[in-house]
Amino acid sequence: MKPEEFFKALADKGIELSEVQKEQFATYFHELVETNRVMNLTTITEEDQVYLKHFYDSIVLGFVDEKLLHEELTLCDVGSGAGFPSLPLKIINPKLKITIVDSLNKRIKFLDGLVEKLNLDNVSLVHGRAEEVGKNPQFRESFDVVTARAVAAMNVLTEFCLPLVKIGGQFVAMKSEKAPEELEVAQYAIKTLGGEIKQQESVELPNDAGLRNFIFVGKISKTPKKYPRKPGDPARKPLVK
């Protein structure tokens, strides 16, 4: 998916990019590839693959939840890596207020420079483990939407993300083809942490790039104070019945 194909694919969905937005994506690609020479940010570095598997794939979240494309929402991106899916969504919808949580400080430093070069406001970068950030009163139960892309199994991911979602908000997991099996195992964790499965959506990516599954978990009650557990525990001892 070359840049022009990317712009057309978005236009077909009713998203017309300005010249400034097109330039932001070009800058994003350049910074990602240049930094990747000295820091492992991604295995995907070909232009057509970055535009498809990073940029377009991130924006697909807005196709299944259109509020993210138009409304002023607070979005927390857990384990964002090189800024996916939150920063492509922010370029599309400047009204989003983004918080990115990542445990690796050098990634946070990359994102800090990137956000400045892209001239984005209302982007906060938090260096820390999701388990620690979820306990922090500044962030706990404060976001409209919390999302994560390919960070961990669904029952582990739920403990990372759901404590950060405000009541009435939602956690959206971006998963691959294995989503149905993962969701079955995660039912107990979702219920324990104050969530309820609202919907599931599947989107076929262009150019035979595979299937993206979205699991929407609504926050219906407060997460018990003991969650998230201390760093490492959710992955070592996932919540299961």
C-alpha atoms as a PDB file:
ATOM      1  CA  MET A   1       0.000   0.000   0.000  1.00  0.00           C
ATOM      2  CA  LYS A   2       1.902   2.992  -1.329  1.00  0.00           C
ATOM      3  CA  PRO A   3       1.089   6.409   0.208  1.00  0.00           C
ATOM      4  CA  GLU A   4      -1.281   7.296  -2.661  1.00  0.00           C
ATOM      5  CA  GLU A   5      -3.135   3.977  -2.189  1.00  0.00           C
ATOM      6  CA  PHE A   6      -3.326   4.708   1.540  1.00  0.00           C
ATOM      7  CA  PHE A   7      -4.816   8.163   0.911  1.00  0.00           C
ATOM      8  CA  LYS A   8      -7.340   6.702  -1.540  1.00  0.00           C
ATOM      9  CA  ALA A   9      -8.301   3.856   0.834  1.00  0.00           C
ATOM     10  CA  LEU A  10      -9.015   6.446   3.543  1.00  0.00           C
ATOM     11  CA  ALA A  11     -10.910   8.681   1.098  1.00  0.00           C
ATOM     12  CA  ASP A  12     -13.081   5.688   0.188  1.00  0.00           C
ATOM     13  CA  LYS A  13     -14.001   5.547   3.892  1.00  0.00           C
ATOM     14  CA  GLY A  14     -14.861   9.249   3.924  1.00  0.00           C
ATOM     15  CA  ILE A  15     -11.538  10.424   5.398  1.00  0.00           C
ATOM     16  CA  GLU A  16     -10.018  13.139   3.214  1.00  0.00           C
ATOM     17  CA  LEU A  17      -6.500  13.984   4.383  1.00  0.00           C
ATOM     18  CA  SER A  18      -5.146  17.510   4.188  1.00  0.00           C
ATOM     19  CA  GLU A  19      -1.659  18.168   2.801  1.00  0.00           C
ATOM     20  CA  VAL A  20      -0.475  18.706   6.370  1.00  0.00           C
ATOM     21  CA  GLN A  21      -1.774  15.281   7.422  1.00  0.00           C
ATOM     22  CA  LYS A  22      -0.158  13.598   4.398  1.00  0.00           C
ATOM     23  CA  GLU A  23       3.116  15.262   5.312  1.00  0.00           C
ATOM     24  CA  GLN A  24       2.756  14.066   8.919  1.00  0.00           C
ATOM     25  CA  PHE A  25       2.482  10.460   7.741  1.00  0.00           C
ATOM     26  CA  ALA A  26       5.527  10.915   5.480  1.00  0.00           C
ATOM     27  CA  THR A  27       7.510  12.346   8.403  1.00  0.00           C
ATOM     28  CA  TYR A  28       6.318   9.505  10.660  1.00  0.00           C
ATOM     29  CA  PHE A  29       7.542   6.925   8.129  1.00  0.00           C
ATOM     30  CA  HIS A  30      10.911   8.658   7.747  1.00  0.00           C
ATOM     31  CA  GLU A  31      11.489   8.972  11.510  1.00  0.00           C
ATOM     32  CA  LEU A  32      10.437   5.365  12.124  1.00  0.00           C
ATOM     33  CA  VAL A  33      12.795   3.930   9.519  1.00  0.00           C
ATOM     34  CA  GLU A  34      15.733   6.184  10.407  1.00  0.00           C
ATOM     35  CA  THR A  35      15.458   5.475  14.138  1.00  0.00           C
ATOM     36  CA  ASN A  36      14.963   1.774  13.457  1.00  0.00           C
ATOM     37  CA  ARG A  37      18.517   1.646  12.088  1.00  0.00           C
ATOM     38  CA  VAL A  38      19.828   2.157  15.625  1.00  0.00           C
ATOM     39  CA  MET A  39      16.910   0.976  17.777  1.00  0.00           C
ATOM     40  CA  ASN A  40      14.643  -2.026  17.326  1.00  0.00           C
ATOM     41  CA  LEU A  41      11.215  -0.439  16.888  1.00  0.00           C
ATOM     42  CA  THR A  42       9.719  -2.644  14.183  1.00  0.00           C
ATOM     43  CA  THR A  43      10.527  -5.470  11.783  1.00  0.00           C
ATOM     44  CA  ILE A  44       8.345  -3.731   9.173  1.00  0.00           C
ATOM     45  CA  THR A  45      10.329  -1.046   7.341  1.00  0.00           C
ATOM     46  CA  GLU A  46       9.275  -1.175   3.648  1.00  0.00           C
ATOM     47  CA  GLU A  47       7.205   1.902   2.824  1.00  0.00           C
ATOM     48  CA  ASP A  48       4.188   0.013   1.433  1.00  0.00           C
ATOM     49  CA  GLN A  49       4.197  -2.337   4.448  1.00  0.00           C
ATOM     50  CA  VAL A  50       4.473   0.488   7.019  1.00  0.00           C
ATOM     51  CA  TYR A  51       1.552   2.328   5.430  1.00  0.00           C
ATOM     52  CA  LEU A  52      -0.543  -0.861   5.415  1.00  0.00           C
ATOM     53  CA  LYS A  53       0.464  -2.793   8.542  1.00  0.00           C
ATOM     54  CA  HIS A  54       1.139   0.142  10.847  1.00  0.00           C
ATOM     55  CA  PHE A  55      -0.714   3.239   9.629  1.00  0.00           C
ATOM     56  CA  TYR A  56      -3.802   1.737   7.971  1.00  0.00           C
ATOM     57  CA  ASP A  57      -4.078  -1.050  10.533  1.00  0.00           C
ATOM     58  CA  SER A  58      -4.096   1.544  13.330  1.00  0.00           C
ATOM     59  CA  ILE A  59      -6.810   3.629  11.677  1.00  0.00           C
ATOM     60  CA  VAL A  60      -9.031   0.569  11.158  1.00  0.00           C
ATOM     61  CA  LEU A  61      -9.854   0.957  14.870  1.00  0.00           C
ATOM     62  CA  GLY A  62     -11.621   4.185  13.901  1.00  0.00           C
ATOM     63  CA  PHE A  63     -13.638   2.359  11.233  1.00  0.00           C
ATOM     64  CA  VAL A  64     -15.135   0.064  13.879  1.00  0.00           C
ATOM     65  CA  ASP A  65     -15.500   2.826  16.504  1.00  0.00           C
ATOM     66  CA  GLU A  66     -16.158   6.009  14.537  1.00  0.00           C
ATOM     67  CA  LYS A  67     -16.150   8.224  17.640  1.00  0.00           C
ATOM     68  CA  LEU A  68     -12.361   7.924  17.539  1.00  0.00           C
ATOM     69  CA  LEU A  69     -12.307   9.655  14.155  1.00  0.00           C
ATOM     70  CA  HIS A  70     -14.416  12.665  15.140  1.00  0.00           C
ATOM     71  CA  GLU A  71     -14.900  13.186  18.868  1.00  0.00           C
ATOM     72  CA  GLU A  72     -12.824  14.676  21.663  1.00  0.00           C
ATOM     73  CA  LEU A  73     -11.963  11.569  23.695  1.00  0.00           C
ATOM     74  CA  THR A  74      -9.215  10.547  26.077  1.00  0.00           C
ATOM     75  CA  LEU A  75      -7.350   7.533  24.690  1.00  0.00           C
ATOM     76  CA  CYS A  76      -4.690   5.526  26.505  1.00  0.00           C
ATOM     77  CA  ASP A  77      -2.459   3.306  24.349  1.00  0.00           C
ATOM     78  CA  VAL A  78      -0.776   0.581  26.419  1.00  0.00           C
ATOM     79  CA  GLY A  79       2.510  -0.869  25.183  1.00  0.00           C
ATOM     80  CA  SER A  80       2.354   1.338  22.127  1.00  0.00           C
ATOM     81  CA  GLY A  81       5.863   0.610  20.848  1.00  0.00           C
ATOM     82  CA  ALA A  82       6.408   3.060  17.998  1.00  0.00           C
ATOM     83  CA  GLY A  83       3.053   4.794  18.583  1.00  0.00           C
ATOM     84  CA  PHE A  84       0.525   2.342  17.175  1.00  0.00           C
ATOM     85  CA  PRO A  85      -2.454   2.661  17.040  1.00  0.00           C
ATOM     86  CA  SER A  86      -2.701   5.989  18.880  1.00  0.00           C
ATOM     87  CA  LEU A  87      -0.555   8.362  16.810  1.00  0.00           C
ATOM     88  CA  PRO A  88      -2.034   7.559  13.363  1.00  0.00           C
ATOM     89  CA  LEU A  89      -5.468   8.065  14.953  1.00  0.00           C
ATOM     90  CA  LYS A  90      -4.283  11.366  16.445  1.00  0.00           C
ATOM     91  CA  ILE A  91      -3.125  12.558  13.008  1.00  0.00           C
ATOM     92  CA  ILE A  92      -6.592  11.749  11.630  1.00  0.00           C
ATOM     93  CA  ASN A  93      -8.441  13.262  14.627  1.00  0.00           C
ATOM     94  CA  PRO A  94      -6.422  16.053  16.311  1.00  0.00           C
ATOM     95  CA  LYS A  95      -9.134  16.375  19.002  1.00  0.00           C
ATOM     96  CA  LEU A  96      -8.066  13.101  20.642  1.00  0.00           C
ATOM     97  CA  LYS A  97      -6.187  13.439  23.931  1.00  0.00           C
ATOM     98  CA  ILE A  98      -3.580  10.687  23.875  1.00  0.00           C
ATOM     99  CA  THR A  99      -1.639   9.047  26.693  1.00  0.00           C
ATOM    100  CA  ILE A 100       0.950   6.460  25.669  1.00  0.00           C
ATOM    101  CA  VAL A 101       2.285   4.005  28.251  1.00  0.00           C
ATOM    102  CA  ASP A 102       5.490   2.104  27.510  1.00  0.00           C
ATOM    103  CA  SER A 103       7.966   0.343  29.764  1.00  0.00           C
ATOM    104  CA  LEU A 104      11.026   1.089  27.631  1.00  0.00           C
ATOM    105  CA  ASN A 105      12.464   4.555  28.132  1.00  0.00           C
ATOM    106  CA  LYS A 106      14.276   4.693  24.787  1.00  0.00           C
ATOM    107  CA  ARG A 107      10.949   4.145  23.015  1.00  0.00           C
ATOM    108  CA  ILE A 108       9.437   6.975  25.047  1.00  0.00           C
ATOM    109  CA  LYS A 109      12.362   9.200  23.978  1.00  0.00           C
ATOM    110  CA  PHE A 110      11.760   8.282  20.323  1.00  0.00           C
ATOM    111  CA  LEU A 111       8.054   9.077  20.686  1.00  0.00           C
ATOM    112  CA  ASP A 112       8.842  12.382  22.397  1.00  0.00           C
ATOM    113  CA  GLY A 113      10.944  13.497  19.420  1.00  0.00           C
ATOM    114  CA  LEU A 114       8.382  12.149  16.963  1.00  0.00           C
ATOM    115  CA  VAL A 115       5.458  13.966  18.579  1.00  0.00           C
ATOM    116  CA  GLU A 116       7.445  17.211  18.384  1.00  0.00           C
ATOM    117  CA  LYS A 117       8.310  16.692  14.700  1.00  0.00           C
ATOM    118  CA  LEU A 118       4.676  15.868  13.897  1.00  0.00           C
ATOM    119  CA  ASN A 119       3.586  19.002  15.773  1.00  0.00           C
ATOM    120  CA  LEU A 120       0.972  17.119  17.819  1.00  0.00           C
ATOM    121  CA  ASP A 121      -0.491  18.559  21.007  1.00  0.00           C
ATOM    122  CA  ASN A 122      -2.301  16.796  23.857  1.00  0.00           C
ATOM    123  CA  VAL A 123      -0.013  13.746  23.725  1.00  0.00           C
ATOM    124  CA  SER A 124       1.359  12.557  27.083  1.00  0.00           C
ATOM    125  CA  LEU A 125       4.102   9.953  27.285  1.00  0.00           C
ATOM    126  CA  VAL A 126       4.331   7.808  30.404  1.00  0.00           C
ATOM    127  CA  HIS A 127       7.370   5.656  31.072  1.00  0.00           C
ATOM    128  CA  GLY A 128       6.289   2.714  33.214  1.00  0.00           C
ATOM    129  CA  ARG A 129       4.812  -0.750  33.454  1.00  0.00           C
ATOM    130  CA  ALA A 130       1.077  -0.961  32.829  1.00  0.00           C
ATOM    131  CA  GLU A 131       0.639  -2.604  36.236  1.00  0.00           C
ATOM    132  CA  GLU A 132       2.188   0.422  37.975  1.00  0.00           C
ATOM    133  CA  VAL A 133       0.371   3.007  35.870  1.00  0.00           C
ATOM    134  CA  GLY A 134      -2.948   1.243  36.565  1.00  0.00           C
ATOM    135  CA  LYS A 135      -2.392   1.743  40.310  1.00  0.00           C
ATOM    136  CA  ASN A 136      -1.523   5.428  39.928  1.00  0.00           C
ATOM    137  CA  PRO A 137      -4.503   7.633  40.967  1.00  0.00           C
ATOM    138  CA  GLN A 138      -3.573  10.099  38.204  1.00  0.00           C
ATOM    139  CA  PHE A 139      -4.415   7.499  35.546  1.00  0.00           C
ATOM    140  CA  ARG A 140      -6.588   4.840  37.176  1.00  0.00           C
ATOM    141  CA  GLU A 141     -10.153   4.725  35.820  1.00  0.00           C
ATOM    142  CA  SER A 142      -9.692   8.013  33.956  1.00  0.00           C
ATOM    143  CA  PHE A 143      -9.831   7.204  30.209  1.00  0.00           C
ATOM    144  CA  ASP A 144     -12.731   7.007  27.766  1.00  0.00           C
ATOM    145  CA  VAL A 145     -10.905   4.402  25.678  1.00  0.00           C
ATOM    146  CA  VAL A 146      -7.914   2.185  26.451  1.00  0.00           C
ATOM    147  CA  THR A 147      -6.407   0.114  23.669  1.00  0.00           C
ATOM    148  CA  ALA A 148      -3.487  -2.183  23.004  1.00  0.00           C
ATOM    149  CA  ARG A 149      -2.249  -3.877  19.871  1.00  0.00           C
ATOM    150  CA  ALA A 150      -0.651  -7.332  20.080  1.00  0.00           C
ATOM    151  CA  VAL A 151       0.842  -6.828  23.546  1.00  0.00           C
ATOM    152  CA  ALA A 152      -0.227  -9.992  25.409  1.00  0.00           C
ATOM    153  CA  ALA A 153      -2.868 -12.711  25.656  1.00  0.00           C
ATOM    154  CA  MET A 154      -6.367 -11.352  26.244  1.00  0.00           C
ATOM    155  CA  ASN A 155      -6.640 -12.350  29.924  1.00  0.00           C
ATOM    156  CA  VAL A 156      -3.285 -10.671  30.680  1.00  0.00           C
ATOM    157  CA  LEU A 157      -4.088  -7.641  28.527  1.00  0.00           C
ATOM    158  CA  THR A 158      -7.370  -7.133  30.377  1.00  0.00           C
ATOM    159  CA  GLU A 159      -5.501  -6.732  33.675  1.00  0.00           C
ATOM    160  CA  PHE A 160      -3.134  -4.227  32.047  1.00  0.00           C
ATOM    161  CA  CYS A 161      -5.890  -2.131  30.462  1.00  0.00           C
ATOM    162  CA  LEU A 162      -9.255  -2.357  32.216  1.00  0.00           C
ATOM    163  CA  PRO A 163      -8.083  -0.675  35.475  1.00  0.00           C
ATOM    164  CA  LEU A 164      -7.326   2.436  33.395  1.00  0.00           C
ATOM    165  CA  VAL A 165     -10.824   2.667  31.855  1.00  0.00           C
ATOM    166  CA  LYS A 166     -13.385   4.974  33.451  1.00  0.00           C
ATOM    167  CA  ILE A 167     -16.814   3.527  34.249  1.00  0.00           C
ATOM    168  CA  GLY A 168     -18.855   3.878  31.068  1.00  0.00           C
ATOM    169  CA  GLY A 169     -15.696   3.791  28.951  1.00  0.00           C
ATOM    170  CA  GLN A 170     -14.262   0.870  27.034  1.00  0.00           C
ATOM    171  CA  PHE A 171     -11.189  -1.242  26.531  1.00  0.00           C
ATOM    172  CA  VAL A 172     -10.582  -2.280  22.916  1.00  0.00           C
ATOM    173  CA  ALA A 173      -8.196  -5.153  22.241  1.00  0.00           C
ATOM    174  CA  MET A 174      -6.744  -5.337  18.725  1.00  0.00           C
ATOM    175  CA  LYS A 175      -6.094  -9.008  18.076  1.00  0.00           C
ATOM    176  CA  SER A 176      -5.262 -11.414  15.258  1.00  0.00           C
ATOM    177  CA  GLU A 177      -7.140 -14.505  14.112  1.00  0.00           C
ATOM    178  CA  LYS A 178      -6.789 -16.180  17.528  1.00  0.00           C
ATOM    179  CA  ALA A 179      -9.150 -13.697  19.190  1.00  0.00           C
ATOM    180  CA  PRO A 180     -12.107 -16.107  19.762  1.00  0.00           C
ATOM    181  CA  GLU A 181      -9.988 -18.637  21.684  1.00  0.00           C
ATOM    182  CA  GLU A 182      -8.299 -15.889  23.706  1.00  0.00           C
ATOM    183  CA  LEU A 183     -11.648 -14.326  24.548  1.00  0.00           C
ATOM    184  CA  GLU A 184     -13.011 -17.606  25.875  1.00  0.00           C
ATOM    185  CA  VAL A 185     -10.086 -17.870  28.321  1.00  0.00           C
ATOM    186  CA  ALA A 186     -10.399 -14.173  29.286  1.00  0.00           C
ATOM    187  CA  GLN A 187     -14.067 -14.231  30.352  1.00  0.00           C
ATOM    188  CA  TYR A 188     -13.212 -14.619  34.039  1.00  0.00           C
ATOM    189  CA  ALA A 189     -10.609 -11.812  34.011  1.00  0.00           C
ATOM    190  CA  ILE A 190     -13.024  -9.436  32.252  1.00  0.00           C
ATOM    191  CA  LYS A 191     -15.767 -10.057  34.807  1.00  0.00           C
ATOM    192  CA  THR A 192     -13.389  -9.904  37.794  1.00  0.00           C
ATOM    193  CA  LEU A 193     -11.955  -6.547  36.713  1.00  0.00           C
ATOM    194  CA  GLY A 194     -15.316  -4.825  36.182  1.00  0.00           C
ATOM    195  CA  GLY A 195     -15.829  -5.376  32.478  1.00  0.00           C
ATOM    196  CA  GLU A 196     -18.436  -6.785  30.143  1.00  0.00           C
ATOM    197  CA  ILE A 197     -17.983  -7.845  26.524  1.00  0.00           C
ATOM    198  CA  LYS A 198     -19.913  -5.404  24.352  1.00  0.00           C
ATOM    199  CA  GLN A 199     -19.092  -6.460  20.814  1.00  0.00           C
ATOM    200  CA  GLN A 200     -16.620  -8.161  18.520  1.00  0.00           C
ATOM    201  CA  GLU A 201     -15.717  -6.945  15.049  1.00  0.00           C
ATOM    202  CA  SER A 202     -13.507  -8.425  12.336  1.00  0.00           C
ATOM    203  CA  VAL A 203     -11.981  -6.415   9.509  1.00  0.00           C
ATOM    204  CA  GLU A 204     -10.188  -7.868   6.496  1.00  0.00           C
ATOM    205  CA  LEU A 205      -7.075  -5.781   5.801  1.00  0.00           C
ATOM    206  CA  PRO A 206      -6.369  -4.880   2.152  1.00  0.00           C
ATOM    207  CA  ASN A 207      -3.809  -6.649  -0.043  1.00  0.00           C
ATOM    208  CA  ASP A 208      -4.266 -10.009   1.719  1.00  0.00           C
ATOM    209  CA  ALA A 209      -2.660  -8.623   4.888  1.00  0.00           C
ATOM    210  CA  GLY A 210      -4.875 -10.778   7.095  1.00  0.00           C
ATOM    211  CA  LEU A 211      -7.701 -10.338   9.538  1.00  0.00           C
ATOM    212  CA  ARG A 212      -7.855  -7.840  12.403  1.00  0.00           C
ATOM    213  CA  ASN A 213     -10.185  -8.718  15.262  1.00  0.00           C
ATOM    214  CA  PHE A 214     -11.465  -6.127  17.732  1.00  0.00           C
ATOM    215  CA  ILE A 215     -12.865  -7.030  21.123  1.00  0.00           C
ATOM    216  CA  PHE A 216     -14.799  -4.238  22.860  1.00  0.00           C
ATOM    217  CA  VAL A 217     -15.039  -4.527  26.650  1.00  0.00           C
ATOM    218  CA  GLY A 218     -17.256  -2.003  28.436  1.00  0.00           C
ATOM    219  CA  LYS A 219     -16.363  -0.884  31.974  1.00  0.00           C
ATOM    220  CA  ILE A 220     -19.484  -1.415  34.078  1.00  0.00           C
ATOM    221  CA  SER A 221     -18.071  -1.375  37.627  1.00  0.00           C
ATOM    222  CA  LYS A 222     -14.959  -0.311  39.500  1.00  0.00           C
ATOM    223  CA  THR A 223     -11.898  -2.550  39.285  1.00  0.00           C
ATOM    224  CA  PRO A 224     -11.147  -4.064  42.741  1.00  0.00           C
ATOM    225  CA  LYS A 225      -8.264  -2.244  44.440  1.00  0.00           C
ATOM    226  CA  LYS A 226      -5.952  -5.261  44.414  1.00  0.00           C
ATOM    227  CA  TYR A 227      -5.767  -5.141  40.592  1.00  0.00           C
ATOM    228  CA  PRO A 228      -3.606  -4.762  38.666  1.00  0.00           C
ATOM    229  CA  ARG A 229      -1.238  -6.952  40.652  1.00  0.00           C
ATOM    230  CA  LYS A 230       2.465  -6.157  40.923  1.00  0.00           C
ATOM    231  CA  PRO A 231       4.586  -6.053  37.748  1.00  0.00           C
ATOM    232  CA  GLY A 232       5.047  -9.466  36.196  1.00  0.00           C
ATOM    233  CA  ASP A 233       2.235 -11.201  38.078  1.00  0.00           C
ATOM    234  CA  PRO A 234      -0.465 -10.821  35.397  1.00  0.00           C
ATOM    235  CA  ALA A 235       1.782 -12.534  32.829  1.00  0.00           C
ATOM    236  CA  ARG A 236       3.118 -15.179  35.233  1.00  0.00           C
ATOM    237  CA  LYS A 237      -0.226 -15.962  36.853  1.00  0.00           C
ATOM    238  CA  PRO A 238      -3.023 -14.898  34.478  1.00  0.00           C
ATOM    239  CA  LEU A 239      -6.501 -14.563  35.917  1.00  0.00           C
ATOM    240  CA  VAL A 240      -8.347 -17.788  35.151  1.00  0.00           C
ATOM    241  CA  LYS A 241     -11.261 -19.508  36.822  1.00  0.00           C
END
